[in-house]
């Protein structure tokens, strides 16, 4: 029975340095997240959930934000 979860949100290429909508030093989270994922894989009763920003290319969202995380692209 799964009763614990690690939820990783919005760790996508477009939010990394050099991406379409970069978070300053965003790439510094990669190594600690990878360690947490590895730890969870070796423990019992953990599920790992990865979610990310994902927009259609004609999203109204881009009226306020730069184009980023377009569905089916490397950035997303």
PDB file of N, CA and C in Angstrom:
ATOM      1  N   UNK A   1       0.842  -1.190   0.000  1.00  0.00           N
ATOM      2  CA  UNK A   1       0.000   0.000   0.000  1.00  0.00           C
ATOM      3  C   UNK A   1       0.888   1.255   0.000  1.00  0.00           C
ATOM      4  N   UNK A   2       0.606   2.145  -0.898  1.00  0.00           N
ATOM      5  CA  UNK A   2       1.348   3.405  -0.978  1.00  0.00           C
ATOM      6  C   UNK A   2       0.713   4.405  -0.021  1.00  0.00           C
ATOM      7  N   UNK A   3       1.526   4.962   0.865  1.00  0.00           N
ATOM      8  CA  UNK A   3       0.970   5.959   1.778  1.00  0.00           C
ATOM      9  C   UNK A   3       1.852   7.189   1.926  1.00  0.00           C
ATOM     10  N   UNK A   4       2.871   7.286   1.082  1.00  0.00           N
ATOM     11  CA  UNK A   4       3.756   8.453   1.096  1.00  0.00           C
ATOM     12  C   UNK A   4       4.037   8.852  -0.345  1.00  0.00           C
ATOM     13  N   UNK A   5       4.187  10.153  -0.565  1.00  0.00           N
ATOM     14  CA  UNK A   5       4.442  10.615  -1.935  1.00  0.00           C
ATOM     15  C   UNK A   5       5.499  11.716  -1.952  1.00  0.00           C
ATOM     16  N   UNK A   6       6.329  11.647  -2.957  1.00  0.00           N
ATOM     17  CA  UNK A   6       7.225  12.746  -3.307  1.00  0.00           C
ATOM     18  C   UNK A   6       6.619  13.363  -4.555  1.00  0.00           C
ATOM     19  N   UNK A   7       6.273  14.643  -4.486  1.00  0.00           N
ATOM     20  CA  UNK A   7       5.678  15.330  -5.629  1.00  0.00           C
ATOM     21  C   UNK A   7       6.669  16.386  -6.102  1.00  0.00           C
ATOM     22  N   UNK A   8       7.126  16.228  -7.330  1.00  0.00           N
ATOM     23  CA  UNK A   8       8.093  17.154  -7.931  1.00  0.00           C
ATOM     24  C   UNK A   8       7.334  17.969  -8.971  1.00  0.00           C
ATOM     25  N   UNK A   9       7.338  19.288  -8.795  1.00  0.00           N
ATOM     26  CA  UNK A   9       6.518  20.166  -9.620  1.00  0.00           C
ATOM     27  C   UNK A   9       7.366  21.148 -10.418  1.00  0.00           C
ATOM     28  N   UNK A  10       7.085  21.230 -11.711  1.00  0.00           N
ATOM     29  CA  UNK A  10       7.637  22.264 -12.590  1.00  0.00           C
ATOM     30  C   UNK A  10       9.156  22.271 -12.726  1.00  0.00           C
ATOM     31  N   UNK A  11       9.789  21.124 -12.633  1.00  0.00           N
ATOM     32  CA  UNK A  11      11.225  21.039 -12.914  1.00  0.00           C
ATOM     33  C   UNK A  11      11.342  20.701 -14.403  1.00  0.00           C
ATOM     34  N   UNK A  12      11.252  21.755 -15.221  1.00  0.00           N
ATOM     35  CA  UNK A  12      11.235  21.601 -16.677  1.00  0.00           C
ATOM     36  C   UNK A  12      12.332  22.466 -17.300  1.00  0.00           C
ATOM     37  N   UNK A  13      12.708  22.130 -18.507  1.00  0.00           N
ATOM     38  CA  UNK A  13      13.783  22.857 -19.193  1.00  0.00           C
ATOM     39  C   UNK A  13      13.512  24.346 -19.319  1.00  0.00           C
ATOM     40  N   UNK A  14      12.290  24.744 -19.604  1.00  0.00           N
ATOM     41  CA  UNK A  14      12.005  26.167 -19.794  1.00  0.00           C
ATOM     42  C   UNK A  14      12.161  26.988 -18.520  1.00  0.00           C
ATOM     43  N   UNK A  15      12.188  26.346 -17.350  1.00  0.00           N
ATOM     44  CA  UNK A  15      12.384  27.070 -16.095  1.00  0.00           C
ATOM     45  C   UNK A  15      13.836  27.018 -15.616  1.00  0.00           C
ATOM     46  N   UNK A  16      14.689  26.377 -16.399  1.00  0.00           N
ATOM     47  CA  UNK A  16      16.116  26.288 -16.065  1.00  0.00           C
ATOM     48  C   UNK A  16      16.873  27.441 -16.727  1.00  0.00           C
ATOM     49  N   UNK A  17      18.082  27.771 -16.235  1.00  0.00           N
ATOM     50  CA  UNK A  17      18.886  28.801 -16.902  1.00  0.00           C
ATOM     51  C   UNK A  17      19.001  28.503 -18.397  1.00  0.00           C
ATOM     52  N   UNK A  18      18.776  29.516 -19.203  1.00  0.00           N
ATOM     53  CA  UNK A  18      18.801  29.360 -20.652  1.00  0.00           C
ATOM     54  C   UNK A  18      17.445  28.998 -21.238  1.00  0.00           C
ATOM     55  N   UNK A  19      16.461  28.705 -20.390  1.00  0.00           N
ATOM     56  CA  UNK A  19      15.125  28.353 -20.859  1.00  0.00           C
ATOM     57  C   UNK A  19      14.309  29.582 -21.208  1.00  0.00           C
ATOM     58  N   UNK A  20      13.101  29.357 -21.673  1.00  0.00           N
ATOM     59  CA  UNK A  20      12.229  30.443 -22.120  1.00  0.00           C
ATOM     60  C   UNK A  20      11.761  31.344 -20.971  1.00  0.00           C
ATOM     61  N   UNK A  21      11.637  30.789 -19.786  1.00  0.00           N
ATOM     62  CA  UNK A  21      11.194  31.547 -18.609  1.00  0.00           C
ATOM     63  C   UNK A  21      12.026  31.072 -17.412  1.00  0.00           C
ATOM     64  N   UNK A  22      13.324  31.409 -17.431  1.00  0.00           N
ATOM     65  CA  UNK A  22      14.246  30.831 -16.449  1.00  0.00           C
ATOM     66  C   UNK A  22      14.046  31.336 -15.028  1.00  0.00           C
ATOM     67  N   UNK A  23      14.210  30.426 -14.094  1.00  0.00           N
ATOM     68  CA  UNK A  23      14.248  30.758 -12.679  1.00  0.00           C
ATOM     69  C   UNK A  23      15.723  30.892 -12.308  1.00  0.00           C
ATOM     70  N   UNK A  24      16.132  32.014 -11.728  1.00  0.00           N
ATOM     71  CA  UNK A  24      17.542  32.157 -11.370  1.00  0.00           C
ATOM     72  C   UNK A  24      18.008  30.979 -10.506  1.00  0.00           C
ATOM     73  N   UNK A  25      19.094  30.370 -10.906  1.00  0.00           N
ATOM     74  CA  UNK A  25      19.686  29.225 -10.217  1.00  0.00           C
ATOM     75  C   UNK A  25      18.721  28.040 -10.126  1.00  0.00           C
ATOM     76  N   UNK A  26      17.761  27.968 -11.027  1.00  0.00           N
ATOM     77  CA  UNK A  26      16.777  26.889 -11.007  1.00  0.00           C
ATOM     78  C   UNK A  26      17.390  25.517 -11.106  1.00  0.00           C
ATOM     79  N   UNK A  27      18.527  25.427 -11.773  1.00  0.00           N
ATOM     80  CA  UNK A  27      19.173  24.130 -11.939  1.00  0.00           C
ATOM     81  C   UNK A  27      19.782  23.591 -10.650  1.00  0.00           C
ATOM     82  N   UNK A  28      19.866  24.408  -9.609  1.00  0.00           N
ATOM     83  CA  UNK A  28      20.435  23.926  -8.346  1.00  0.00           C
ATOM     84  C   UNK A  28      19.519  22.928  -7.643  1.00  0.00           C
ATOM     85  N   UNK A  29      18.280  22.819  -8.080  1.00  0.00           N
ATOM     86  CA  UNK A  29      17.363  21.851  -7.459  1.00  0.00           C
ATOM     87  C   UNK A  29      17.517  20.451  -8.024  1.00  0.00           C
ATOM     88  N   UNK A  30      18.163  20.312  -9.180  1.00  0.00           N
ATOM     89  CA  UNK A  30      18.222  19.017  -9.871  1.00  0.00           C
ATOM     90  C   UNK A  30      18.894  17.942  -9.019  1.00  0.00           C
ATOM     91  N   UNK A  31      20.077  18.218  -8.527  1.00  0.00           N
ATOM     92  CA  UNK A  31      20.819  17.203  -7.781  1.00  0.00           C
ATOM     93  C   UNK A  31      20.090  16.787  -6.495  1.00  0.00           C
ATOM     94  N   UNK A  32      19.595  17.719  -5.669  1.00  0.00           N
ATOM     95  CA  UNK A  32      18.862  17.284  -4.478  1.00  0.00           C
ATOM     96  C   UNK A  32      17.577  16.510  -4.812  1.00  0.00           C
ATOM     97  N   UNK A  33      16.881  16.923  -5.859  1.00  0.00           N
ATOM     98  CA  UNK A  33      15.674  16.184  -6.249  1.00  0.00           C
ATOM     99  C   UNK A  33      16.036  14.776  -6.701  1.00  0.00           C
ATOM    100  N   UNK A  34      17.103  14.639  -7.478  1.00  0.00           N
ATOM    101  CA  UNK A  34      17.530  13.305  -7.895  1.00  0.00           C
ATOM    102  C   UNK A  34      17.869  12.430  -6.689  1.00  0.00           C
ATOM    103  N   UNK A  35      18.512  13.011  -5.670  1.00  0.00           N
ATOM    104  CA  UNK A  35      18.813  12.251  -4.450  1.00  0.00           C
ATOM    105  C   UNK A  35      17.528  11.819  -3.746  1.00  0.00           C
ATOM    106  N   UNK A  36      16.558  12.714  -3.678  1.00  0.00           N
ATOM    107  CA  UNK A  36      15.286  12.372  -3.030  1.00  0.00           C
ATOM    108  C   UNK A  36      14.555  11.277  -3.806  1.00  0.00           C
ATOM    109  N   UNK A  37      14.573  11.363  -5.132  1.00  0.00           N
ATOM    110  CA  UNK A  37      13.937  10.325  -5.957  1.00  0.00           C
ATOM    111  C   UNK A  37      14.617   8.980  -5.717  1.00  0.00           C
ATOM    112  N   UNK A  38      15.944   8.960  -5.732  1.00  0.00           N
ATOM    113  CA  UNK A  38      16.672   7.715  -5.489  1.00  0.00           C
ATOM    114  C   UNK A  38      16.334   7.150  -4.116  1.00  0.00           C
ATOM    115  N   UNK A  39      16.268   8.004  -3.114  1.00  0.00           N
ATOM    116  CA  UNK A  39      15.937   7.553  -1.762  1.00  0.00           C
ATOM    117  C   UNK A  39      14.550   6.931  -1.731  1.00  0.00           C
ATOM    118  N   UNK A  40      13.572   7.617  -2.341  1.00  0.00           N
ATOM    119  CA  UNK A  40      12.196   7.107  -2.350  1.00  0.00           C
ATOM    120  C   UNK A  40      12.099   5.756  -3.060  1.00  0.00           C
ATOM    121  N   UNK A  41      12.865   5.592  -4.117  1.00  0.00           N
ATOM    122  CA  UNK A  41      12.846   4.322  -4.852  1.00  0.00           C
ATOM    123  C   UNK A  41      13.337   3.161  -3.993  1.00  0.00           C
ATOM    124  N   UNK A  42      14.207   3.454  -3.028  1.00  0.00           N
ATOM    125  CA  UNK A  42      14.762   2.420  -2.170  1.00  0.00           C
ATOM    126  C   UNK A  42      13.979   2.203  -0.882  1.00  0.00           C
ATOM    127  N   UNK A  43      12.958   2.982  -0.662  1.00  0.00           N
ATOM    128  CA  UNK A  43      12.131   2.859   0.533  1.00  0.00           C
ATOM    129  C   UNK A  43      10.806   2.203   0.166  1.00  0.00           C
ATOM    130  N   UNK A  44      10.129   1.676   1.151  1.00  0.00           N
ATOM    131  CA  UNK A  44       8.820   1.064   0.916  1.00  0.00           C
ATOM    132  C   UNK A  44       7.720   2.115   1.001  1.00  0.00           C
ATOM    133  N   UNK A  45       6.673   1.863   0.272  1.00  0.00           N
ATOM    134  CA  UNK A  45       5.430   2.645   0.363  1.00  0.00           C
ATOM    135  C   UNK A  45       5.545   4.085  -0.117  1.00  0.00           C
ATOM    136  N   UNK A  46       6.408   4.347  -1.070  1.00  0.00           N
ATOM    137  CA  UNK A  46       6.528   5.683  -1.655  1.00  0.00           C
ATOM    138  C   UNK A  46       6.079   5.652  -3.113  1.00  0.00           C
ATOM    139  N   UNK A  47       5.371   6.694  -3.518  1.00  0.00           N
ATOM    140  CA  UNK A  47       5.063   6.912  -4.924  1.00  0.00           C
ATOM    141  C   UNK A  47       5.728   8.236  -5.312  1.00  0.00           C
ATOM    142  N   UNK A  48       6.250   8.301  -6.512  1.00  0.00           N
ATOM    143  CA  UNK A  48       6.910   9.508  -7.009  1.00  0.00           C
ATOM    144  C   UNK A  48       6.035  10.078  -8.117  1.00  0.00           C
ATOM    145  N   UNK A  49       5.657  11.337  -7.955  1.00  0.00           N
ATOM    146  CA  UNK A  49       4.775  12.003  -8.913  1.00  0.00           C
ATOM    147  C   UNK A  49       5.528  13.199  -9.491  1.00  0.00           C
ATOM    148  N   UNK A  50       5.639  13.234 -10.810  1.00  0.00           N
ATOM    149  CA  UNK A  50       6.298  14.347 -11.498  1.00  0.00           C
ATOM    150  C   UNK A  50       5.246  15.102 -12.301  1.00  0.00           C
ATOM    151  N   UNK A  51       5.130  16.391 -12.075  1.00  0.00           N
ATOM    152  CA  UNK A  51       4.173  17.209 -12.823  1.00  0.00           C
ATOM    153  C   UNK A  51       4.884  18.452 -13.337  1.00  0.00           C
ATOM    154  N   UNK A  52       4.415  18.977 -14.449  1.00  0.00           N
ATOM    155  CA  UNK A  52       5.057  20.155 -15.009  1.00  0.00           C
ATOM    156  C   UNK A  52       4.088  21.037 -15.763  1.00  0.00           C
ATOM    157  N   UNK A  53       4.492  22.287 -15.909  1.00  0.00           N
ATOM    158  CA  UNK A  53       3.747  23.259 -16.691  1.00  0.00           C
ATOM    159  C   UNK A  53       3.630  22.747 -18.126  1.00  0.00           C
ATOM    160  N   UNK A  54       2.474  22.929 -18.763  1.00  0.00           N
ATOM    161  CA  UNK A  54       2.222  22.347 -20.085  1.00  0.00           C
ATOM    162  C   UNK A  54       1.114  23.174 -20.731  1.00  0.00           C
ATOM    163  N   UNK A  55       1.422  23.890 -21.804  1.00  0.00           N
ATOM    164  CA  UNK A  55       0.445  24.776 -22.442  1.00  0.00           C
ATOM    165  C   UNK A  55       0.318  24.480 -23.927  1.00  0.00           C
ATOM    166  N   UNK A  56      -0.885  24.641 -24.491  1.00  0.00           N
ATOM    167  CA  UNK A  56      -0.996  24.589 -25.948  1.00  0.00           C
ATOM    168  C   UNK A  56      -0.272  25.803 -26.536  1.00  0.00           C
ATOM    169  N   UNK A  57       0.186  25.672 -27.770  1.00  0.00           N
ATOM    170  CA  UNK A  57       0.984  26.754 -28.358  1.00  0.00           C
ATOM    171  C   UNK A  57       0.209  28.057 -28.530  1.00  0.00           C
ATOM    172  N   UNK A  58      -1.108  28.011 -28.554  1.00  0.00           N
ATOM    173  CA  UNK A  58      -1.910  29.231 -28.706  1.00  0.00           C
ATOM    174  C   UNK A  58      -2.588  29.639 -27.392  1.00  0.00           C
ATOM    175  N   UNK A  59      -1.990  29.296 -26.274  1.00  0.00           N
ATOM    176  CA  UNK A  59      -2.566  29.548 -24.956  1.00  0.00           C
ATOM    177  C   UNK A  59      -2.743  31.041 -24.671  1.00  0.00           C
ATOM    178  N   UNK A  60      -3.860  31.393 -24.082  1.00  0.00           N
ATOM    179  CA  UNK A  60      -4.097  32.773 -23.625  1.00  0.00           C
ATOM    180  C   UNK A  60      -3.111  33.153 -22.517  1.00  0.00           C
ATOM    181  N   UNK A  61      -2.563  32.152 -21.875  1.00  0.00           N
ATOM    182  CA  UNK A  61      -1.568  32.346 -20.819  1.00  0.00           C
ATOM    183  C   UNK A  61      -0.410  33.214 -21.314  1.00  0.00           C
ATOM    184  N   UNK A  62      -0.102  33.117 -22.597  1.00  0.00           N
ATOM    185  CA  UNK A  62       1.041  33.835 -23.160  1.00  0.00           C
ATOM    186  C   UNK A  62       0.751  35.314 -23.410  1.00  0.00           C
ATOM    187  N   UNK A  63      -0.458  35.763 -23.118  1.00  0.00           N
ATOM    188  CA  UNK A  63      -0.729  37.200 -23.179  1.00  0.00           C
ATOM    189  C   UNK A  63      -0.064  37.917 -22.003  1.00  0.00           C
ATOM    190  N   UNK A  64       0.167  37.189 -20.920  1.00  0.00           N
ATOM    191  CA  UNK A  64       0.773  37.771 -19.721  1.00  0.00           C
ATOM    192  C   UNK A  64       2.178  37.257 -19.448  1.00  0.00           C
ATOM    193  N   UNK A  65       2.526  36.115 -20.002  1.00  0.00           N
ATOM    194  CA  UNK A  65       3.813  35.484 -19.754  1.00  0.00           C
ATOM    195  C   UNK A  65       4.507  35.198 -21.079  1.00  0.00           C
ATOM    196  N   UNK A  66       5.835  35.128 -21.084  1.00  0.00           N
ATOM    197  CA  UNK A  66       6.526  34.703 -22.313  1.00  0.00           C
ATOM    198  C   UNK A  66       6.099  33.279 -22.689  1.00  0.00           C
ATOM    199  N   UNK A  67       6.200  32.959 -23.942  1.00  0.00           N
ATOM    200  CA  UNK A  67       5.880  31.607 -24.401  1.00  0.00           C
ATOM    201  C   UNK A  67       6.851  30.639 -23.713  1.00  0.00           C
ATOM    202  N   UNK A  68       6.289  29.650 -23.045  1.00  0.00           N
ATOM    203  CA  UNK A  68       7.091  28.668 -22.312  1.00  0.00           C
ATOM    204  C   UNK A  68       6.278  27.387 -22.137  1.00  0.00           C
ATOM    205  N   UNK A  69       6.963  26.305 -21.882  1.00  0.00           N
ATOM    206  CA  UNK A  69       6.333  25.016 -21.569  1.00  0.00           C
ATOM    207  C   UNK A  69       5.250  24.639 -22.576  1.00  0.00           C
ATOM    208  N   UNK A  70       5.551  24.839 -23.840  1.00  0.00           N
ATOM    209  CA  UNK A  70       4.591  24.484 -24.893  1.00  0.00           C
ATOM    210  C   UNK A  70       4.545  22.967 -25.007  1.00  0.00           C
ATOM    211  N   UNK A  71       3.337  22.436 -25.035  1.00  0.00           N
ATOM    212  CA  UNK A  71       3.125  20.993 -25.080  1.00  0.00           C
ATOM    213  C   UNK A  71       3.961  20.339 -26.173  1.00  0.00           C
ATOM    214  N   UNK A  72       4.527  19.209 -25.846  1.00  0.00           N
ATOM    215  CA  UNK A  72       5.311  18.395 -26.774  1.00  0.00           C
ATOM    216  C   UNK A  72       6.591  19.060 -27.268  1.00  0.00           C
ATOM    217  N   UNK A  73       7.136  19.993 -26.493  1.00  0.00           N
ATOM    218  CA  UNK A  73       8.429  20.603 -26.838  1.00  0.00           C
ATOM    219  C   UNK A  73       9.471  20.208 -25.809  1.00  0.00           C
ATOM    220  N   UNK A  74      10.720  20.393 -26.146  1.00  0.00           N
ATOM    221  CA  UNK A  74      11.825  20.103 -25.229  1.00  0.00           C
ATOM    222  C   UNK A  74      11.726  20.968 -23.982  1.00  0.00           C
ATOM    223  N   UNK A  75      11.241  22.188 -24.141  1.00  0.00           N
ATOM    224  CA  UNK A  75      11.127  23.099 -22.989  1.00  0.00           C
ATOM    225  C   UNK A  75      10.154  22.619 -21.943  1.00  0.00           C
ATOM    226  N   UNK A  76       9.116  21.934 -22.391  1.00  0.00           N
ATOM    227  CA  UNK A  76       8.101  21.433 -21.452  1.00  0.00           C
ATOM    228  C   UNK A  76       8.545  20.118 -20.855  1.00  0.00           C
TER     229      UNK A  76
END
